Amino acid sequence: MTPARNPALVIGGLLSLAASLLHIGCILGGPAWYRFFGAGEGMATLAEQGSMTPTLVTLGIAAILAIWAAYAFSGAGLLPRLPLLRTGLVVISAVYLLRGLALIPALLINGGVVMPFVLWSSLIVLVYGVAHAVGTWTAWPTLGPRP
């Protein structure tokens, strides 16, 4: 491991980790948290009924976000090098950016009006994507396979 050399990837990792922990918070906080964070009435109702579906889905999302945080921290030199680091960081950046940019077609389809959750979540995820993409771009020469 080398000292952190990429502030954007450190920020991206912290953002992904925070999102992972918020998902865990939704599980612990129950239906009210699912509603507040925009998971939808269906997920909140299932949680009220004691269904395992919201817990399993949310745990899956939290795990993916934690892995994405690990990839960002690995790219920043805070964790050992993970497999397929370049590919992973490119895919993670693309997913975040595409999710954030999904706001544009949503606005076009709905005549410039979207639910506040769609607006804010898209803008937040777009920031995540920019952090990961900038970090990946600047670290690119150091992310290649090691001899």
N, C-alpha and C. Protein backbone atom coordinates (compact mmCIF):
# COMPACT_ATOMS: atom_id res chain seq x y z
N MET A 1 0.84 -1.19 0.00
CA MET A 1 0.00 0.00 0.00
C MET A 1 0.87 1.24 0.00
N THR A 2 0.39 2.26 -0.68
CA THR A 2 1.07 3.54 -0.69
C THR A 2 0.18 4.56 -0.01
N PRO A 3 0.75 5.68 0.42
CA PRO A 3 -0.11 6.72 1.02
C PRO A 3 -1.17 7.18 0.03
N ALA A 4 -2.29 7.64 0.55
CA ALA A 4 -3.37 8.11 -0.32
C ALA A 4 -2.85 9.17 -1.25
N ARG A 5 -3.07 8.99 -2.53
CA ARG A 5 -2.55 9.92 -3.52
C ARG A 5 -3.67 10.47 -4.40
N ASN A 6 -4.89 10.18 -4.04
CA ASN A 6 -5.98 10.56 -4.91
C ASN A 6 -7.19 11.01 -4.08
N PRO A 7 -7.25 12.30 -3.77
CA PRO A 7 -8.36 12.79 -2.93
C PRO A 7 -9.74 12.49 -3.51
N ALA A 8 -9.88 12.53 -4.83
CA ALA A 8 -11.19 12.28 -5.43
C ALA A 8 -11.65 10.84 -5.16
N LEU A 9 -10.74 9.88 -5.25
CA LEU A 9 -11.12 8.49 -4.95
C LEU A 9 -11.38 8.30 -3.45
N VAL A 10 -10.66 9.02 -2.61
CA VAL A 10 -10.93 8.94 -1.17
C VAL A 10 -12.34 9.47 -0.90
N ILE A 11 -12.68 10.60 -1.50
CA ILE A 11 -14.02 11.17 -1.34
C ILE A 11 -15.06 10.21 -1.90
N GLY A 12 -14.81 9.67 -3.09
CA GLY A 12 -15.74 8.71 -3.67
C GLY A 12 -15.94 7.50 -2.77
N GLY A 13 -14.85 7.00 -2.20
CA GLY A 13 -14.95 5.87 -1.29
C GLY A 13 -15.76 6.21 -0.04
N LEU A 14 -15.52 7.39 0.50
CA LEU A 14 -16.28 7.81 1.69
C LEU A 14 -17.77 7.97 1.37
N LEU A 15 -18.07 8.49 0.18
CA LEU A 15 -19.47 8.64 -0.22
C LEU A 15 -20.13 7.28 -0.38
N SER A 16 -19.45 6.34 -1.03
CA SER A 16 -20.01 5.00 -1.20
C SER A 16 -20.19 4.31 0.15
N LEU A 17 -19.22 4.48 1.03
CA LEU A 17 -19.32 3.89 2.37
C LEU A 17 -20.50 4.49 3.14
N ALA A 18 -20.66 5.81 3.04
CA ALA A 18 -21.78 6.47 3.72
C ALA A 18 -23.11 5.94 3.18
N ALA A 19 -23.21 5.76 1.87
CA ALA A 19 -24.44 5.23 1.27
C ALA A 19 -24.70 3.81 1.75
N SER A 20 -23.65 3.02 1.86
CA SER A 20 -23.79 1.65 2.37
C SER A 20 -24.33 1.67 3.80
N LEU A 21 -23.75 2.52 4.63
CA LEU A 21 -24.19 2.60 6.02
C LEU A 21 -25.62 3.13 6.14
N LEU A 22 -26.01 4.04 5.25
CA LEU A 22 -27.40 4.52 5.26
C LEU A 22 -28.36 3.40 4.92
N HIS A 23 -27.96 2.52 4.02
CA HIS A 23 -28.82 1.37 3.70
C HIS A 23 -28.97 0.45 4.92
N ILE A 24 -27.88 0.25 5.64
CA ILE A 24 -27.97 -0.54 6.87
C ILE A 24 -28.88 0.17 7.87
N GLY A 25 -28.77 1.49 7.92
CA GLY A 25 -29.65 2.28 8.79
C GLY A 25 -31.12 2.08 8.44
N CYS A 26 -31.42 1.95 7.16
CA CYS A 26 -32.82 1.72 6.76
C CYS A 26 -33.33 0.39 7.31
N ILE A 27 -32.48 -0.62 7.28
CA ILE A 27 -32.88 -1.92 7.83
C ILE A 27 -33.17 -1.77 9.32
N LEU A 28 -32.25 -1.11 10.03
CA LEU A 28 -32.41 -0.94 11.48
C LEU A 28 -33.55 0.01 11.83
N GLY A 29 -33.73 1.04 11.00
CA GLY A 29 -34.75 2.05 11.27
C GLY A 29 -36.15 1.61 10.89
N GLY A 30 -36.25 0.60 10.05
CA GLY A 30 -37.55 0.04 9.71
C GLY A 30 -38.34 0.85 8.69
N PRO A 31 -39.66 0.61 8.65
CA PRO A 31 -40.51 1.20 7.62
C PRO A 31 -40.41 2.72 7.50
N ALA A 32 -40.30 3.41 8.62
CA ALA A 32 -40.22 4.88 8.56
C ALA A 32 -38.98 5.32 7.79
N TRP A 33 -37.88 4.61 7.97
CA TRP A 33 -36.65 4.96 7.26
C TRP A 33 -36.78 4.63 5.78
N TYR A 34 -37.39 3.50 5.46
CA TYR A 34 -37.60 3.16 4.04
C TYR A 34 -38.42 4.26 3.36
N ARG A 35 -39.43 4.75 4.04
CA ARG A 35 -40.26 5.81 3.48
C ARG A 35 -39.45 7.11 3.33
N PHE A 36 -38.76 7.49 4.41
CA PHE A 36 -38.03 8.76 4.40
C PHE A 36 -36.98 8.79 3.29
N PHE A 37 -36.27 7.68 3.08
CA PHE A 37 -35.19 7.66 2.09
C PHE A 37 -35.67 7.27 0.70
N GLY A 38 -36.98 7.17 0.50
CA GLY A 38 -37.52 7.01 -0.84
C GLY A 38 -37.53 5.61 -1.39
N ALA A 39 -37.49 4.60 -0.54
CA ALA A 39 -37.50 3.23 -1.05
C ALA A 39 -38.85 2.84 -1.63
N GLY A 40 -39.85 3.60 -1.32
CA GLY A 40 -41.17 3.33 -1.86
C GLY A 40 -42.10 2.71 -0.82
N GLU A 41 -43.37 2.94 -1.03
CA GLU A 41 -44.37 2.44 -0.10
C GLU A 41 -44.40 0.92 -0.07
N GLY A 42 -44.14 0.30 -1.20
CA GLY A 42 -44.15 -1.16 -1.25
C GLY A 42 -43.11 -1.77 -0.32
N MET A 43 -41.89 -1.24 -0.36
CA MET A 43 -40.84 -1.75 0.52
C MET A 43 -41.19 -1.46 1.98
N ALA A 44 -41.71 -0.29 2.26
CA ALA A 44 -42.06 0.06 3.64
C ALA A 44 -43.18 -0.85 4.15
N THR A 45 -44.16 -1.12 3.32
CA THR A 45 -45.26 -2.00 3.72
C THR A 45 -44.76 -3.42 3.96
N LEU A 46 -43.90 -3.91 3.08
CA LEU A 46 -43.32 -5.24 3.28
C LEU A 46 -42.55 -5.31 4.59
N ALA A 47 -41.80 -4.25 4.90
CA ALA A 47 -41.06 -4.22 6.16
C ALA A 47 -42.01 -4.24 7.35
N GLU A 48 -43.12 -3.51 7.24
CA GLU A 48 -44.12 -3.52 8.32
C GLU A 48 -44.72 -4.91 8.53
N GLN A 49 -44.85 -5.64 7.43
CA GLN A 49 -45.45 -6.98 7.50
C GLN A 49 -44.45 -8.05 7.94
N GLY A 50 -43.21 -7.64 8.16
CA GLY A 50 -42.21 -8.60 8.60
C GLY A 50 -41.56 -9.40 7.49
N SER A 51 -41.77 -9.00 6.25
CA SER A 51 -41.16 -9.69 5.12
C SER A 51 -39.64 -9.51 5.15
N MET A 52 -38.93 -10.53 4.73
CA MET A 52 -37.47 -10.45 4.64
C MET A 52 -37.01 -9.77 3.35
N THR A 53 -37.90 -9.57 2.41
CA THR A 53 -37.51 -8.99 1.11
C THR A 53 -36.83 -7.63 1.26
N PRO A 54 -37.39 -6.67 1.99
CA PRO A 54 -36.70 -5.38 2.12
C PRO A 54 -35.30 -5.53 2.74
N THR A 55 -35.19 -6.38 3.75
CA THR A 55 -33.90 -6.58 4.40
C THR A 55 -32.89 -7.16 3.44
N LEU A 56 -33.28 -8.20 2.71
CA LEU A 56 -32.34 -8.85 1.78
C LEU A 56 -31.94 -7.93 0.63
N VAL A 57 -32.91 -7.23 0.06
CA VAL A 57 -32.61 -6.30 -1.04
C VAL A 57 -31.69 -5.19 -0.54
N THR A 58 -32.00 -4.64 0.62
CA THR A 58 -31.22 -3.54 1.16
C THR A 58 -29.82 -4.00 1.57
N LEU A 59 -29.70 -5.20 2.13
CA LEU A 59 -28.38 -5.75 2.45
C LEU A 59 -27.55 -5.95 1.18
N GLY A 60 -28.20 -6.40 0.12
CA GLY A 60 -27.49 -6.57 -1.14
C GLY A 60 -26.95 -5.26 -1.67
N ILE A 61 -27.78 -4.23 -1.63
CA ILE A 61 -27.34 -2.90 -2.08
C ILE A 61 -26.22 -2.39 -1.19
N ALA A 62 -26.36 -2.55 0.12
CA ALA A 62 -25.33 -2.10 1.06
C ALA A 62 -24.00 -2.81 0.79
N ALA A 63 -24.06 -4.10 0.51
CA ALA A 63 -22.84 -4.86 0.22
C ALA A 63 -22.17 -4.36 -1.06
N ILE A 64 -22.95 -4.12 -2.09
CA ILE A 64 -22.39 -3.60 -3.35
C ILE A 64 -21.73 -2.25 -3.11
N LEU A 65 -22.40 -1.38 -2.39
CA LEU A 65 -21.84 -0.05 -2.12
C LEU A 65 -20.56 -0.15 -1.29
N ALA A 66 -20.51 -1.08 -0.35
CA ALA A 66 -19.30 -1.27 0.45
C ALA A 66 -18.14 -1.78 -0.43
N ILE A 67 -18.45 -2.66 -1.35
CA ILE A 67 -17.42 -3.14 -2.29
C ILE A 67 -16.93 -1.99 -3.15
N TRP A 68 -17.86 -1.15 -3.59
CA TRP A 68 -17.46 0.00 -4.40
C TRP A 68 -16.58 0.95 -3.60
N ALA A 69 -16.87 1.13 -2.33
CA ALA A 69 -16.01 1.95 -1.46
C ALA A 69 -14.62 1.33 -1.39
N ALA A 70 -14.56 0.02 -1.23
CA ALA A 70 -13.26 -0.66 -1.16
C ALA A 70 -12.47 -0.46 -2.44
N TYR A 71 -13.13 -0.50 -3.59
CA TYR A 71 -12.43 -0.28 -4.86
C TYR A 71 -11.89 1.15 -4.93
N ALA A 72 -12.68 2.12 -4.49
CA ALA A 72 -12.20 3.50 -4.50
C ALA A 72 -11.00 3.65 -3.56
N PHE A 73 -11.09 3.08 -2.37
CA PHE A 73 -9.98 3.16 -1.42
C PHE A 73 -8.76 2.42 -1.94
N SER A 74 -8.96 1.33 -2.65
CA SER A 74 -7.84 0.60 -3.25
C SER A 74 -7.17 1.46 -4.33
N GLY A 75 -7.98 2.09 -5.16
CA GLY A 75 -7.43 2.97 -6.20
C GLY A 75 -6.69 4.16 -5.63
N ALA A 76 -7.11 4.59 -4.44
CA ALA A 76 -6.45 5.72 -3.78
C ALA A 76 -5.21 5.29 -3.00
N GLY A 77 -4.97 3.99 -2.92
CA GLY A 77 -3.80 3.49 -2.22
C GLY A 77 -4.01 3.26 -0.73
N LEU A 78 -5.27 3.31 -0.28
CA LEU A 78 -5.55 3.09 1.14
C LEU A 78 -5.77 1.62 1.48
N LEU A 79 -6.08 0.82 0.50
CA LEU A 79 -6.26 -0.62 0.68
C LEU A 79 -5.37 -1.34 -0.33
N PRO A 80 -5.07 -2.59 -0.09
CA PRO A 80 -4.29 -3.34 -1.09
C PRO A 80 -5.01 -3.36 -2.43
N ARG A 81 -4.25 -3.57 -3.46
CA ARG A 81 -4.78 -3.58 -4.82
C ARG A 81 -5.81 -4.70 -4.99
N LEU A 82 -6.99 -4.34 -5.46
CA LEU A 82 -8.06 -5.31 -5.69
C LEU A 82 -8.02 -5.79 -7.14
N PRO A 83 -8.57 -6.98 -7.39
CA PRO A 83 -8.58 -7.50 -8.76
C PRO A 83 -9.37 -6.60 -9.70
N LEU A 84 -8.90 -6.53 -10.94
CA LEU A 84 -9.60 -5.76 -11.98
C LEU A 84 -9.89 -4.33 -11.52
N LEU A 85 -8.91 -3.70 -10.91
CA LEU A 85 -9.10 -2.38 -10.31
C LEU A 85 -9.55 -1.35 -11.33
N ARG A 86 -8.85 -1.27 -12.46
CA ARG A 86 -9.25 -0.29 -13.49
C ARG A 86 -10.67 -0.54 -13.96
N THR A 87 -10.94 -1.78 -14.32
CA THR A 87 -12.27 -2.13 -14.83
C THR A 87 -13.33 -1.82 -13.78
N GLY A 88 -13.08 -2.22 -12.55
CA GLY A 88 -14.04 -1.97 -11.49
C GLY A 88 -14.34 -0.50 -11.31
N LEU A 89 -13.30 0.32 -11.28
CA LEU A 89 -13.51 1.75 -11.08
C LEU A 89 -14.24 2.40 -12.27
N VAL A 90 -13.95 1.94 -13.47
CA VAL A 90 -14.66 2.47 -14.64
C VAL A 90 -16.14 2.09 -14.57
N VAL A 91 -16.42 0.85 -14.24
CA VAL A 91 -17.82 0.39 -14.16
C VAL A 91 -18.55 1.13 -13.04
N ILE A 92 -17.93 1.25 -11.89
CA ILE A 92 -18.55 1.96 -10.76
C ILE A 92 -18.85 3.41 -11.14
N SER A 93 -17.87 4.08 -11.75
CA SER A 93 -18.08 5.47 -12.19
C SER A 93 -19.24 5.55 -13.17
N ALA A 94 -19.27 4.63 -14.13
CA ALA A 94 -20.32 4.64 -15.15
C ALA A 94 -21.70 4.43 -14.55
N VAL A 95 -21.81 3.49 -13.62
CA VAL A 95 -23.11 3.23 -13.00
C VAL A 95 -23.60 4.46 -12.25
N TYR A 96 -22.73 5.05 -11.45
CA TYR A 96 -23.12 6.26 -10.72
C TYR A 96 -23.51 7.39 -11.68
N LEU A 97 -22.69 7.62 -12.71
CA LEU A 97 -22.97 8.71 -13.64
C LEU A 97 -24.27 8.46 -14.41
N LEU A 98 -24.47 7.24 -14.88
CA LEU A 98 -25.70 6.94 -15.62
C LEU A 98 -26.93 7.09 -14.73
N ARG A 99 -26.82 6.65 -13.48
CA ARG A 99 -27.95 6.81 -12.55
C ARG A 99 -28.21 8.30 -12.31
N GLY A 100 -27.16 9.08 -12.14
CA GLY A 100 -27.34 10.50 -11.93
C GLY A 100 -27.92 11.20 -13.14
N LEU A 101 -27.43 10.83 -14.30
CA LEU A 101 -27.89 11.46 -15.54
C LEU A 101 -29.28 10.99 -15.97
N ALA A 102 -29.81 9.95 -15.32
CA ALA A 102 -31.17 9.50 -15.61
C ALA A 102 -32.19 10.60 -15.30
N LEU A 103 -31.75 11.59 -14.56
CA LEU A 103 -32.62 12.74 -14.26
C LEU A 103 -33.05 13.44 -15.55
N ILE A 104 -32.16 13.51 -16.52
CA ILE A 104 -32.46 14.25 -17.75
C ILE A 104 -33.66 13.65 -18.49
N PRO A 105 -33.65 12.33 -18.81
CA PRO A 105 -34.84 11.80 -19.47
C PRO A 105 -36.09 11.87 -18.58
N ALA A 106 -35.90 11.73 -17.26
CA ALA A 106 -37.06 11.84 -16.37
C ALA A 106 -37.69 13.23 -16.47
N LEU A 107 -36.85 14.24 -16.54
CA LEU A 107 -37.37 15.62 -16.70
C LEU A 107 -38.05 15.80 -18.05
N LEU A 108 -37.45 15.26 -19.11
CA LEU A 108 -38.03 15.39 -20.45
C LEU A 108 -39.36 14.66 -20.56
N ILE A 109 -39.43 13.47 -20.01
CA ILE A 109 -40.66 12.68 -20.09
C ILE A 109 -41.78 13.32 -19.29
N ASN A 110 -41.42 13.92 -18.17
CA ASN A 110 -42.44 14.48 -17.26
C ASN A 110 -42.60 16.00 -17.39
N GLY A 111 -42.18 16.56 -18.50
CA GLY A 111 -42.38 17.99 -18.73
C GLY A 111 -41.65 18.88 -17.74
N GLY A 112 -40.49 18.45 -17.28
CA GLY A 112 -39.69 19.26 -16.37
C GLY A 112 -40.07 19.12 -14.91
N VAL A 113 -40.98 18.20 -14.61
CA VAL A 113 -41.41 18.01 -13.22
C VAL A 113 -41.09 16.58 -12.80
N VAL A 114 -40.36 16.45 -11.69
CA VAL A 114 -40.10 15.13 -11.11
C VAL A 114 -40.30 15.22 -9.61
N MET A 115 -40.49 14.07 -9.00
CA MET A 115 -40.63 14.04 -7.54
C MET A 115 -39.34 14.53 -6.91
N PRO A 116 -39.43 15.20 -5.77
CA PRO A 116 -38.22 15.70 -5.11
C PRO A 116 -37.18 14.60 -4.86
N PHE A 117 -37.63 13.38 -4.50
CA PHE A 117 -36.68 12.29 -4.27
C PHE A 117 -35.88 11.99 -5.53
N VAL A 118 -36.54 11.97 -6.68
CA VAL A 118 -35.84 11.69 -7.94
C VAL A 118 -34.81 12.77 -8.22
N LEU A 119 -35.19 14.01 -8.02
CA LEU A 119 -34.27 15.13 -8.25
C LEU A 119 -33.06 15.04 -7.34
N TRP A 120 -33.28 14.97 -6.03
CA TRP A 120 -32.17 15.00 -5.08
C TRP A 120 -31.31 13.76 -5.16
N SER A 121 -31.92 12.59 -5.28
CA SER A 121 -31.12 11.38 -5.35
C SER A 121 -30.27 11.36 -6.62
N SER A 122 -30.81 11.86 -7.72
CA SER A 122 -30.04 11.91 -8.97
C SER A 122 -28.86 12.85 -8.84
N LEU A 123 -29.08 14.03 -8.25
CA LEU A 123 -27.99 14.98 -8.10
C LEU A 123 -26.91 14.45 -7.15
N ILE A 124 -27.34 13.79 -6.08
CA ILE A 124 -26.38 13.22 -5.12
C ILE A 124 -25.54 12.14 -5.80
N VAL A 125 -26.20 11.24 -6.50
CA VAL A 125 -25.49 10.14 -7.15
C VAL A 125 -24.59 10.68 -8.27
N LEU A 126 -24.99 11.76 -8.91
CA LEU A 126 -24.13 12.37 -9.92
C LEU A 126 -22.83 12.86 -9.29
N VAL A 127 -22.90 13.43 -8.10
CA VAL A 127 -21.68 13.84 -7.37
C VAL A 127 -20.81 12.62 -7.09
N TYR A 128 -21.43 11.53 -6.67
CA TYR A 128 -20.67 10.29 -6.44
C TYR A 128 -19.94 9.88 -7.72
N GLY A 129 -20.66 9.92 -8.82
CA GLY A 129 -20.08 9.51 -10.10
C GLY A 129 -18.93 10.41 -10.52
N VAL A 130 -19.09 11.70 -10.33
CA VAL A 130 -18.02 12.63 -10.70
C VAL A 130 -16.78 12.36 -9.85
N ALA A 131 -16.97 12.16 -8.55
CA ALA A 131 -15.82 11.87 -7.67
C ALA A 131 -15.09 10.62 -8.12
N HIS A 132 -15.84 9.56 -8.39
CA HIS A 132 -15.22 8.31 -8.85
C HIS A 132 -14.55 8.48 -10.22
N ALA A 133 -15.23 9.16 -11.13
CA ALA A 133 -14.68 9.32 -12.48
C ALA A 133 -13.42 10.18 -12.48
N VAL A 134 -13.44 11.29 -11.77
CA VAL A 134 -12.26 12.16 -11.69
C VAL A 134 -11.11 11.40 -11.03
N GLY A 135 -11.42 10.70 -9.95
CA GLY A 135 -10.39 9.92 -9.27
C GLY A 135 -9.81 8.84 -10.15
N THR A 136 -10.67 8.15 -10.88
CA THR A 136 -10.20 7.10 -11.79
C THR A 136 -9.34 7.70 -12.90
N TRP A 137 -9.79 8.79 -13.46
CA TRP A 137 -9.05 9.45 -14.53
C TRP A 137 -7.65 9.87 -14.07
N THR A 138 -7.59 10.50 -12.90
CA THR A 138 -6.29 11.00 -12.43
C THR A 138 -5.37 9.88 -11.96
N ALA A 139 -5.94 8.78 -11.50
CA ALA A 139 -5.11 7.66 -11.02
C ALA A 139 -4.80 6.66 -12.12
N TRP A 140 -5.36 6.83 -13.31
CA TRP A 140 -5.28 5.84 -14.37
C TRP A 140 -3.87 5.26 -14.58
N PRO A 141 -2.84 6.09 -14.66
CA PRO A 141 -1.50 5.52 -14.91
C PRO A 141 -1.03 4.57 -13.80
N THR A 142 -1.52 4.77 -12.59
CA THR A 142 -1.08 3.93 -11.48
C THR A 142 -1.97 2.72 -11.25
N LEU A 143 -3.07 2.61 -12.00
CA LEU A 143 -4.03 1.54 -11.77
C LEU A 143 -3.80 0.31 -12.63
N GLY A 144 -2.87 0.41 -13.56
CA GLY A 144 -2.63 -0.71 -14.47
C GLY A 144 -2.05 -1.92 -13.77
N PRO A 145 -2.02 -3.04 -14.47
CA PRO A 145 -1.46 -4.27 -13.89
C PRO A 145 -0.01 -4.05 -13.47
N ARG A 146 0.33 -4.66 -12.37
CA ARG A 146 1.72 -4.57 -11.87
C ARG A 146 2.54 -5.69 -12.47
N PRO A 147 3.79 -5.39 -12.85
CA PRO A 147 4.64 -6.46 -13.42
C PRO A 147 5.06 -7.47 -12.37
